[in-house]
Amino acid sequence: MLPRAEAPPRKFESQETALRLSHEPSILLLAGVLLCEAATVLAQTEITPGSSTPGQAIPGTTGVSNFAGSVPAKLVPGVLPLSLQDAIDRGLKQNLGLLLSSADVRSARGQRWEQLSALLPHVTAAPYVAESKINVDELGFGGVVSAFHISPSIGPFSYFDARANLTQSLFDWKSISAARAANQSVKSASYTFKDAHDLVVLAVGYTYFQAIADEARIETAAAQVETAQAVYGQAADQVKAGTSPDIDALRAKVELQTREQQLIQAKNNFAIQKLTVAHVIGLAPGQEFDLTDKSPYQPIEDITVDEALKRAYASRSDYQAAMADVRAAEFSRKAAVAGYFPSLSLDADYGLGGAHPSNATPVADVHGTLTIPIFTGGSVHGDVVQADARLEQSRERLENLRAQIDSDIRTALLNLQSSADQVNVARSNIDLAEQTLTQSRDRFTAGVTDTVEVVQSQELVASAHEQYISSLYNYNYAKISLVRALGIAEEGVKEYFKGK
């Protein structure tokens, strides 16, 4: 059987389809606009590294969220100019984390005085005067009263005693070790308070740099709106002149509105981030302020990992606090073991005593006490076991922190180098993208291309600017992370961030 031949296409069907499409140009326009808008939406929803997310947690302060809050100061009339250094100075006065840390220092000092109290002399005075009348029957001497036929009531008679009492520990190794442990706890709290200064600088710098980046995004978005408006105006003029199809104007209009949406969102993000800055540094609610510092690229001198680690271990206050905690735990263990040791104390009093203040004579009493623990029911052993556990924990935390400092230093240096390279590349990309946009607009004006190429070039420009803003923010944050990792945040900000 011969194969069946395929029927040739019918000419009138092609003609009918072409005729239908020619009478319905809106279908093509609608399809083109939808495709263009879909591509634009996909481009705009792409996650950009370093983009601002208002309200996100402050890096480097995990578990210490108090540094994101503050105690508000008084309202300042007008608009307050706020530089990075001004923001840090305000944060160091009003930040909640620092204020709570200061209270912890005072609490540690109070606990030290409690431990010292066991070693310091205690002097008390309790003068008293008493007049009494007693019944001997109540005391059990009723038979004596009956035998001698005397009155059961005796009195009235008076007592007077006024003396000062002294209690002094002569030797108590447990109290001595506990007092030394308390001294180390005070040092630990003081170092922690100093470290809180670095955390405040980190928190303020993070929020301030985010606000600067958001402000830069507003300027970039506004410039992109102006460019999109010019392209739309150019496309609309060519459509009126009949040199371009309607879809070019529609595509340019979609791009313009997309850029306007971005500008609205950028302004909202900036306003929210300013609220975050105000909350971290303790500005009054509703305080108006302007950020006077921008984000210029200021390179810093190279520093090796070994130099940075050596400086960090010598300067990091949290590391010094951890070592003080270890020493405090060691003294606490000695205090626990001292529960097995004897102790010696002195009690003495001196004053006046008699039947009445008018005939009182000097009185005194002195005695010493040697206390020897024989069987404590295992309480001392329990104290030693707990002290051993706390000592082991403090040593493990110290070693963990030492490793964390090493990681912080290496991470900050890597981020610093990477973000510096990204800044240089982003600068070059901006120039290339803007040249591409200029050439695309010239080609569109000459009728060589349509607005698809122009819109794509606009996307490249927008992406290049966003990458530059993000890389610049990452670089500045890497710098402030480095000075925090080194333990010189307050001094480092003055050295590495001149402010412009």
Protein backbone atom coordinates (compact mmCIF):
# COMPACT_ATOMS: atom_id res chain seq x y z
CA MET A 1 0.00 0.00 0.00
CA LEU A 2 1.36 3.38 -0.90
CA PRO A 3 1.85 5.84 1.95
CA ARG A 4 -0.76 8.46 2.30
CA ALA A 5 0.42 11.84 1.08
CA GLU A 6 0.14 14.77 3.51
CA ALA A 7 -2.27 17.43 2.46
CA PRO A 8 -0.65 20.75 1.56
CA PRO A 9 -1.50 23.68 3.81
CA ARG A 10 -4.54 25.54 2.77
CA LYS A 11 -3.74 29.04 1.71
CA PHE A 12 -6.99 30.50 2.83
CA GLU A 13 -6.38 29.46 6.49
CA SER A 14 -3.10 31.43 6.63
CA GLN A 15 -4.78 34.39 5.05
CA GLU A 16 -7.64 34.15 7.52
CA THR A 17 -5.25 34.06 10.51
CA ALA A 18 -3.29 37.04 9.26
CA LEU A 19 -6.49 38.94 8.64
CA ARG A 20 -7.73 38.21 12.17
CA LEU A 21 -4.46 39.33 13.78
CA SER A 22 -4.39 42.46 11.64
CA HIS A 23 -7.81 43.38 12.97
CA GLU A 24 -6.75 42.63 16.57
CA PRO A 25 -3.42 44.43 17.20
CA SER A 26 -4.29 44.79 20.88
CA ILE A 27 -3.57 41.08 21.36
CA LEU A 28 0.05 41.57 20.35
CA LEU A 29 0.37 44.71 22.43
CA LEU A 30 -1.12 43.06 25.49
CA ALA A 31 1.13 40.02 25.14
CA GLY A 32 4.23 42.18 24.77
CA VAL A 33 3.34 44.30 27.79
CA LEU A 34 2.69 41.22 29.95
CA LEU A 35 6.00 39.63 28.95
CA CYS A 36 7.90 42.84 29.62
CA GLU A 37 6.23 43.36 33.01
CA ALA A 38 6.85 39.76 34.03
CA ALA A 39 10.55 40.11 33.21
CA THR A 40 10.71 43.36 35.16
CA VAL A 41 9.00 41.87 38.21
CA LEU A 42 11.39 38.92 38.19
CA ALA A 43 14.35 41.29 38.02
CA GLN A 44 13.03 43.43 40.88
CA THR A 45 12.21 40.49 43.16
CA GLU A 46 15.72 39.07 42.91
CA ILE A 47 17.34 39.11 46.34
CA THR A 48 20.23 41.53 46.47
CA PRO A 49 23.07 40.92 48.94
CA GLY A 50 23.24 43.66 51.51
CA SER A 51 19.78 45.03 50.75
CA SER A 52 18.11 46.67 53.72
CA THR A 53 15.61 44.75 55.80
CA PRO A 54 14.12 47.15 58.37
CA GLY A 55 13.90 45.72 61.87
CA GLN A 56 16.36 42.87 61.38
CA ALA A 57 18.58 41.76 64.24
CA ILE A 58 21.89 43.49 64.85
CA PRO A 59 24.82 41.20 63.93
CA GLY A 60 27.39 40.56 66.63
CA THR A 61 24.92 41.06 69.50
CA THR A 62 23.28 37.65 69.50
CA GLY A 63 21.72 36.92 72.88
CA VAL A 64 22.15 40.54 74.00
CA SER A 65 19.15 42.14 72.39
CA ASN A 66 19.19 44.88 75.03
CA PHE A 67 21.70 46.69 72.80
CA ALA A 68 18.90 47.26 70.29
CA GLY A 69 17.02 49.36 72.86
CA SER A 70 17.61 52.51 74.88
CA VAL A 71 16.26 54.92 77.45
CA PRO A 72 14.99 57.93 75.43
CA ALA A 73 16.47 61.35 76.09
CA LYS A 74 14.60 64.64 76.01
CA LEU A 75 13.19 66.02 72.78
CA VAL A 76 15.40 68.56 71.01
CA PRO A 77 13.49 71.27 69.11
CA GLY A 78 13.99 71.34 65.35
CA VAL A 79 15.95 68.96 63.17
CA LEU A 80 18.97 67.41 64.87
CA PRO A 81 22.11 66.95 62.71
CA LEU A 82 23.51 63.52 63.50
CA SER A 83 26.96 62.32 62.49
CA LEU A 84 28.26 58.81 63.13
CA GLN A 85 30.33 60.01 66.08
CA ASP A 86 27.34 61.93 67.49
CA ALA A 87 25.23 58.79 67.22
CA ILE A 88 27.88 56.73 69.01
CA ASP A 89 28.23 59.32 71.78
CA ARG A 90 24.48 59.31 72.34
CA GLY A 91 24.39 55.51 72.28
CA LEU A 92 27.10 55.36 74.93
CA LYS A 93 24.87 57.46 77.19
CA GLN A 94 21.39 56.11 76.48
CA ASN A 95 21.73 52.55 75.13
CA LEU A 96 19.86 50.06 77.30
CA GLY A 97 22.51 47.33 77.12
CA LEU A 98 25.18 49.67 78.46
CA LEU A 99 22.95 51.01 81.23
CA LEU A 100 22.08 47.49 82.37
CA SER A 101 25.75 46.53 82.28
CA SER A 102 26.56 49.51 84.49
CA ALA A 103 23.95 48.29 86.96
CA ASP A 104 25.59 44.85 86.92
CA VAL A 105 28.88 46.44 88.00
CA ARG A 106 27.19 48.11 90.96
CA SER A 107 25.50 44.84 91.88
CA ALA A 108 28.85 43.00 91.80
CA ARG A 109 30.35 45.63 94.08
CA GLY A 110 27.49 45.13 96.52
CA GLN A 111 28.09 41.38 96.53
CA ARG A 112 31.78 42.00 97.22
CA TRP A 113 30.88 44.07 100.28
CA GLU A 114 28.70 41.22 101.49
CA GLN A 115 31.67 38.83 101.29
CA LEU A 116 34.03 41.33 102.92
CA SER A 117 31.57 41.73 105.76
CA ALA A 118 32.57 38.32 107.12
CA LEU A 119 36.18 39.55 107.49
CA LEU A 120 35.57 43.07 108.78
CA PRO A 121 34.89 43.84 112.46
CA HIS A 122 31.25 44.13 113.55
CA VAL A 123 30.55 46.59 116.35
CA THR A 124 27.11 46.92 117.91
CA ALA A 125 25.64 48.70 120.92
CA ALA A 126 22.40 47.71 122.68
CA PRO A 127 22.02 49.59 125.98
CA TYR A 128 19.04 48.67 128.08
CA VAL A 129 17.38 49.56 131.40
CA ALA A 130 14.93 47.17 133.06
CA GLU A 131 12.86 47.29 136.25
CA SER A 132 11.40 43.98 137.40
CA LYS A 133 9.30 42.34 140.10
CA ILE A 134 9.11 38.54 140.15
CA ASN A 135 7.17 35.77 141.93
CA VAL A 136 9.42 33.01 143.29
CA ASP A 137 6.59 30.49 143.04
CA GLU A 138 6.73 30.99 139.25
CA LEU A 139 10.41 30.09 139.36
CA GLY A 140 9.76 26.84 141.28
CA PHE A 141 10.83 28.01 144.77
CA GLY A 142 7.40 27.83 146.40
CA GLY A 143 8.63 25.36 149.07
CA VAL A 144 11.33 27.73 150.21
CA VAL A 145 8.82 30.52 150.60
CA SER A 146 6.55 28.31 152.75
CA ALA A 147 9.42 27.01 154.88
CA PHE A 148 10.75 30.43 155.77
CA HIS A 149 7.40 32.21 155.76
CA ILE A 150 8.58 34.93 153.39
CA SER A 151 6.70 36.86 150.74
CA PRO A 152 6.66 35.17 147.33
CA SER A 153 7.11 38.54 145.58
CA ILE A 154 10.59 39.95 145.18
CA GLY A 155 11.21 43.47 143.96
CA PRO A 156 10.92 45.82 142.39
CA PHE A 157 14.57 45.91 141.35
CA SER A 158 16.31 47.37 138.26
CA TYR A 159 19.01 46.46 135.73
CA PHE A 160 21.18 48.74 133.58
CA ASP A 161 23.69 47.67 130.93
CA ALA A 162 25.28 49.78 128.19
CA ARG A 163 28.23 48.31 126.32
CA ALA A 164 29.68 48.04 122.82
CA ASN A 165 30.02 44.55 121.36
CA LEU A 166 32.85 43.64 118.96
CA THR A 167 32.90 40.55 116.76
CA GLN A 168 35.99 39.92 114.64
CA SER A 169 37.05 36.98 112.51
CA LEU A 170 40.71 36.24 113.20
CA PHE A 171 41.11 33.45 110.67
CA ASP A 172 38.53 32.06 108.27
CA TRP A 173 40.01 30.78 105.00
CA LYS A 174 36.57 30.23 103.54
CA SER A 175 35.59 33.87 103.98
CA ILE A 176 38.98 35.04 102.72
CA SER A 177 38.66 32.99 99.51
CA ALA A 178 35.05 34.07 99.03
CA ALA A 179 36.11 37.73 99.31
CA ARG A 180 38.84 37.19 96.71
CA ALA A 181 36.33 35.52 94.40
CA ALA A 182 34.04 38.53 94.83
CA ASN A 183 36.90 40.86 93.87
CA GLN A 184 37.39 38.91 90.64
CA SER A 185 33.67 39.06 89.96
CA VAL A 186 33.82 42.85 90.22
CA LYS A 187 36.70 42.89 87.74
CA SER A 188 34.72 40.63 85.40
CA ALA A 189 31.69 42.94 85.61
CA SER A 190 33.91 45.96 84.94
CA TYR A 191 35.44 44.31 81.88
CA THR A 192 31.97 43.31 80.70
CA PHE A 193 30.87 46.93 81.06
CA LYS A 194 33.82 48.02 78.96
CA ASP A 195 32.99 45.38 76.37
CA ALA A 196 29.44 46.73 76.34
CA HIS A 197 30.91 49.98 74.98
CA ASP A 198 32.24 48.05 71.98
CA LEU A 199 28.88 46.35 71.46
CA VAL A 200 27.12 49.72 71.53
CA VAL A 201 29.54 51.05 68.91
CA LEU A 202 28.86 47.96 66.78
CA ALA A 203 25.08 48.30 67.14
CA VAL A 204 25.09 52.03 66.40
CA GLY A 205 27.46 51.63 63.46
CA TYR A 206 25.38 48.83 61.96
CA THR A 207 22.10 50.76 62.12
CA TYR A 208 23.72 54.04 61.02
CA PHE A 209 25.38 52.45 57.99
CA GLN A 210 22.12 50.74 57.07
CA ALA A 211 20.35 54.09 57.19
CA ILE A 212 23.04 55.67 55.01
CA ALA A 213 22.68 52.84 52.49
CA ASP A 214 18.89 53.27 52.45
CA GLU A 215 19.30 57.00 51.89
CA ALA A 216 21.65 56.30 48.98
CA ARG A 217 19.06 53.92 47.53
CA ILE A 218 16.53 56.76 47.54
CA GLU A 219 18.89 58.95 45.53
CA THR A 220 19.56 56.10 43.10
CA ALA A 221 15.88 55.27 42.75
CA ALA A 222 15.03 58.94 42.13
CA ALA A 223 17.67 59.11 39.38
CA GLN A 224 16.28 55.95 37.81
CA VAL A 225 12.77 57.44 37.85
CA GLU A 226 14.08 60.49 36.00
CA THR A 227 15.76 58.26 33.42
CA ALA A 228 12.65 56.14 32.99
CA GLN A 229 10.54 59.29 32.62
CA ALA A 230 12.83 60.56 29.87
CA VAL A 231 12.74 57.22 28.04
CA TYR A 232 8.96 57.11 28.30
CA GLY A 233 8.67 60.65 26.98
CA GLN A 234 10.97 59.77 24.09
CA ALA A 235 9.00 56.62 23.28
CA ALA A 236 5.68 58.45 23.46
CA ASP A 237 6.94 61.11 21.04
CA GLN A 238 8.08 58.47 18.56
CA VAL A 239 4.74 56.67 18.80
CA LYS A 240 2.94 59.94 18.01
CA ALA A 241 5.29 60.49 15.10
CA GLY A 242 4.52 56.99 13.84
CA THR A 243 8.13 55.83 13.95
CA SER A 244 7.62 53.34 16.81
CA PRO A 245 4.80 50.92 17.70
CA ASP A 246 2.56 51.46 20.72
CA ILE A 247 4.21 48.61 22.60
CA ASP A 248 7.41 50.66 22.98
CA ALA A 249 5.52 53.36 24.87
CA LEU A 250 3.68 50.76 26.97
CA ARG A 251 6.92 49.00 27.83
CA ALA A 252 8.54 52.29 28.84
CA LYS A 253 5.49 53.16 30.93
CA VAL A 254 5.71 49.87 32.82
CA GLU A 255 9.39 50.50 33.51
CA LEU A 256 8.62 54.03 34.76
CA GLN A 257 5.96 52.83 37.17
CA THR A 258 8.21 50.04 38.40
CA ARG A 259 10.92 52.58 39.20
CA GLU A 260 8.35 54.76 40.97
CA GLN A 261 7.36 51.78 43.12
CA GLN A 262 11.00 51.22 43.99
CA LEU A 263 11.34 54.86 45.02
CA ILE A 264 8.29 54.61 47.29
CA GLN A 265 9.67 51.46 48.93
CA ALA A 266 13.13 52.98 49.33
CA LYS A 267 11.67 56.02 51.12
CA ASN A 268 9.66 53.76 53.43
CA ASN A 269 12.70 51.60 54.25
CA PHE A 270 14.74 54.69 55.04
CA ALA A 271 12.06 56.08 57.36
CA ILE A 272 11.85 52.76 59.24
CA GLN A 273 15.63 52.50 59.51
CA LYS A 274 15.79 56.01 60.96
CA LEU A 275 13.38 54.86 63.66
CA THR A 276 15.74 51.97 64.39
CA VAL A 277 18.70 54.35 64.68
CA ALA A 278 16.73 56.61 67.02
CA HIS A 279 15.76 53.66 69.22
CA VAL A 280 19.31 52.33 69.49
CA ILE A 281 20.90 55.66 70.45
CA GLY A 282 18.08 56.89 72.68
CA LEU A 283 16.58 59.80 70.77
CA ALA A 284 13.25 61.06 72.02
CA PRO A 285 10.17 59.63 70.25
CA GLY A 286 9.32 61.82 67.28
CA GLN A 287 12.75 63.47 67.20
CA GLU A 288 13.58 64.76 63.72
CA PHE A 289 17.18 64.31 62.62
CA ASP A 290 19.36 64.23 59.51
CA LEU A 291 22.29 61.90 58.87
CA THR A 292 25.25 64.14 58.12
CA ASP A 293 27.83 61.41 57.36
CA LYS A 294 27.72 59.46 54.13
CA SER A 295 29.56 56.30 53.10
CA PRO A 296 32.78 57.28 51.37
CA TYR A 297 35.29 54.59 50.56
CA GLN A 298 38.19 55.01 52.99
CA PRO A 299 40.78 52.19 52.75
CA ILE A 300 42.64 51.15 55.90
CA GLU A 301 46.18 49.93 56.24
CA ASP A 302 46.78 46.21 55.95
CA ILE A 303 47.06 44.18 59.13
CA THR A 304 48.13 40.56 59.38
CA VAL A 305 46.10 37.89 61.16
CA ASP A 306 48.84 37.32 63.75
CA GLU A 307 49.09 41.02 64.57
CA ALA A 308 45.32 41.31 64.84
CA LEU A 309 45.02 38.26 67.10
CA LYS A 310 47.80 39.47 69.39
CA ARG A 311 46.11 42.84 69.70
CA ALA A 312 42.68 41.31 70.23
CA TYR A 313 43.76 38.98 73.05
CA ALA A 314 45.36 41.95 74.79
CA SER A 315 42.49 44.39 74.20
CA ARG A 316 39.22 42.44 74.08
CA SER A 317 37.34 43.26 77.28
CA ASP A 318 35.10 40.20 77.02
CA TYR A 319 38.24 38.02 76.96
CA GLN A 320 39.58 39.80 80.06
CA ALA A 321 36.19 39.32 81.72
CA ALA A 322 36.25 35.60 80.93
CA MET A 323 39.71 35.25 82.48
CA ALA A 324 38.47 37.09 85.59
CA ASP A 325 35.54 34.65 85.74
CA VAL A 326 38.01 31.75 85.75
CA ARG A 327 39.97 33.30 88.60
CA ALA A 328 36.74 33.95 90.51
CA ALA A 329 35.75 30.30 90.04
CA GLU A 330 39.17 29.18 91.30
CA PHE A 331 38.79 31.24 94.48
CA SER A 332 35.23 29.96 94.90
CA ARG A 333 36.56 26.42 94.82
CA LYS A 334 39.16 27.30 97.45
CA ALA A 335 36.38 28.76 99.56
CA ALA A 336 34.40 25.54 99.21
CA VAL A 337 37.41 23.39 100.22
CA ALA A 338 38.03 25.70 103.18
CA GLY A 339 34.80 24.39 104.65
CA TYR A 340 36.95 21.56 106.06
CA PHE A 341 39.31 24.00 107.84
CA PRO A 342 38.91 25.37 111.37
CA SER A 343 38.19 29.04 111.97
CA LEU A 344 39.03 31.41 114.83
CA SER A 345 36.96 34.37 115.95
CA LEU A 346 37.00 36.97 118.75
CA ASP A 347 34.04 38.40 120.67
CA ALA A 348 34.49 41.27 123.14
CA ASP A 349 32.35 43.88 124.82
CA TYR A 350 32.97 46.85 127.10
CA GLY A 351 30.70 49.34 128.79
CA LEU A 352 28.82 50.21 131.99
CA GLY A 353 26.56 48.02 134.08
CA GLY A 354 24.69 48.18 137.37
CA ALA A 355 21.31 48.47 139.02
CA HIS A 356 20.83 52.05 137.80
CA PRO A 357 22.70 54.39 135.43
CA SER A 358 23.60 56.56 138.39
CA ASN A 359 25.65 53.81 140.06
CA ALA A 360 26.89 51.92 136.94
CA THR A 361 30.48 50.69 136.86
CA PRO A 362 32.71 49.53 133.98
CA VAL A 363 32.12 45.99 132.75
CA ALA A 364 33.92 43.97 130.07
CA ASP A 365 34.01 40.52 128.52
CA VAL A 366 36.48 38.97 126.07
CA HIS A 367 36.47 35.44 124.66
CA GLY A 368 37.82 33.67 121.61
CA THR A 369 36.22 30.77 119.74
CA LEU A 370 37.92 28.05 117.72
CA THR A 371 35.44 26.28 115.48
CA ILE A 372 36.54 22.86 114.21
CA PRO A 373 34.29 21.12 111.67
CA ILE A 374 34.05 17.41 112.48
CA PHE A 375 31.12 16.13 110.50
CA THR A 376 29.23 18.46 108.17
CA GLY A 377 26.83 15.93 106.70
CA GLY A 378 28.40 16.14 103.24
CA SER A 379 27.52 19.81 102.73
CA VAL A 380 31.17 20.80 102.23
CA HIS A 381 31.65 17.98 99.74
CA GLY A 382 28.59 19.19 97.85
CA ASP A 383 29.97 22.74 97.77
CA VAL A 384 33.29 21.45 96.38
CA VAL A 385 31.58 19.41 93.65
CA GLN A 386 29.53 22.42 92.56
CA ALA A 387 32.58 24.68 92.63
CA ASP A 388 34.50 22.20 90.46
CA ALA A 389 31.66 22.20 87.92
CA ARG A 390 31.54 26.01 87.80
CA LEU A 391 35.31 26.19 87.41
CA GLU A 392 35.24 23.72 84.53
CA GLN A 393 32.45 25.67 82.85
CA SER A 394 34.29 28.96 83.16
CA ARG A 395 37.45 27.46 81.65
CA GLU A 396 35.48 25.97 78.75
CA ARG A 397 33.79 29.31 78.10
CA LEU A 398 37.20 30.99 78.08
CA GLU A 399 38.55 28.55 75.51
CA ASN A 400 35.42 28.93 73.40
CA LEU A 401 35.75 32.71 73.48
CA ARG A 402 39.42 32.48 72.49
CA ALA A 403 38.42 30.45 69.44
CA GLN A 404 35.56 32.86 68.74
CA ILE A 405 37.94 35.82 68.77
CA ASP A 406 40.14 34.01 66.27
CA SER A 407 37.10 33.41 64.06
CA ASP A 408 35.92 37.04 64.44
CA ILE A 409 39.31 38.39 63.39
CA ARG A 410 39.66 36.12 60.38
CA THR A 411 36.07 36.70 59.29
CA ALA A 412 36.39 40.48 59.56
CA LEU A 413 39.63 40.51 57.57
CA LEU A 414 38.17 38.27 54.86
CA ASN A 415 35.03 40.40 54.63
CA LEU A 416 37.13 43.54 54.52
CA GLN A 417 39.22 42.31 51.59
CA SER A 418 36.24 40.85 49.73
CA SER A 419 34.07 43.94 50.13
CA ALA A 420 36.96 46.21 49.08
CA ASP A 421 37.32 44.23 45.86
CA GLN A 422 33.57 44.36 45.35
CA VAL A 423 33.57 48.14 45.71
CA ASN A 424 36.17 48.47 42.96
CA VAL A 425 34.29 46.12 40.64
CA ALA A 426 30.96 47.81 41.37
CA ARG A 427 32.41 51.20 40.49
CA SER A 428 33.52 49.88 37.12
CA ASN A 429 30.15 48.22 36.54
CA ILE A 430 28.34 51.51 37.08
CA ASP A 431 30.40 53.20 34.39
CA LEU A 432 29.88 50.32 31.96
CA ALA A 433 26.15 50.08 32.65
CA GLU A 434 25.62 53.81 32.18
CA GLN A 435 27.53 53.70 28.89
CA THR A 436 25.34 50.80 27.79
CA LEU A 437 22.21 52.76 28.67
CA THR A 438 23.42 55.80 26.76
CA GLN A 439 24.14 53.74 23.66
CA SER A 440 20.80 51.94 23.91
CA ARG A 441 18.93 55.23 24.09
CA ASP A 442 20.87 56.54 21.10
CA ARG A 443 20.04 53.36 19.15
CA PHE A 444 16.38 53.73 20.09
CA THR A 445 16.36 57.36 18.97
CA ALA A 446 17.89 56.33 15.68
CA GLY A 447 15.22 53.66 15.22
CA VAL A 448 17.76 50.82 15.23
CA THR A 449 16.20 49.06 18.25
CA ASP A 450 13.12 49.12 20.42
CA THR A 451 12.55 49.83 24.13
CA VAL A 452 13.33 46.24 25.13
CA GLU A 453 17.03 46.97 24.86
CA VAL A 454 16.59 50.29 26.68
CA VAL A 455 14.67 48.66 29.55
CA GLN A 456 17.32 45.97 29.87
CA SER A 457 20.00 48.63 30.02
CA GLN A 458 18.06 50.44 32.72
CA GLU A 459 17.96 47.20 34.69
CA LEU A 460 21.72 46.91 34.38
CA VAL A 461 22.21 50.45 35.68
CA ALA A 462 19.88 49.83 38.61
CA SER A 463 21.60 46.57 39.47
CA ALA A 464 25.06 48.18 39.24
CA HIS A 465 24.08 50.99 41.61
CA GLU A 466 22.52 48.55 44.08
CA GLN A 467 25.64 46.38 44.03
CA TYR A 468 27.80 49.44 44.67
CA ILE A 469 25.65 50.59 47.60
CA SER A 470 25.63 47.08 49.07
CA SER A 471 29.36 46.56 48.66
CA LEU A 472 30.12 49.96 50.18
CA TYR A 473 27.87 49.19 53.14
CA ASN A 474 29.49 45.75 53.53
CA TYR A 475 32.94 47.35 53.48
CA ASN A 476 32.10 49.90 56.17
CA TYR A 477 30.42 47.27 58.31
CA ALA A 478 33.45 45.00 57.87
CA LYS A 479 35.64 47.83 59.16
CA ILE A 480 33.53 48.40 62.26
CA SER A 481 33.36 44.63 62.81
CA LEU A 482 37.16 44.52 62.67
CA VAL A 483 37.64 47.26 65.27
CA ARG A 484 35.11 45.51 67.49
CA ALA A 485 36.94 42.19 67.00
CA LEU A 486 40.17 43.95 67.98
CA GLY A 487 38.53 45.36 71.10
CA ILE A 488 39.18 49.00 70.14
CA ALA A 489 35.75 50.04 68.87
CA GLU A 490 35.64 53.56 70.32
CA GLU A 491 39.20 54.40 69.29
CA GLY A 492 38.86 52.58 65.96
CA VAL A 493 35.81 54.57 64.87
CA LYS A 494 37.72 57.82 65.35
CA GLU A 495 40.68 56.40 63.45
CA TYR A 496 38.97 54.61 60.54
CA PHE A 497 35.80 56.69 60.07
CA LYS A 498 36.69 60.32 59.61
CA GLY A 499 33.18 61.29 58.53
CA LYS A 500 32.19 63.37 55.53
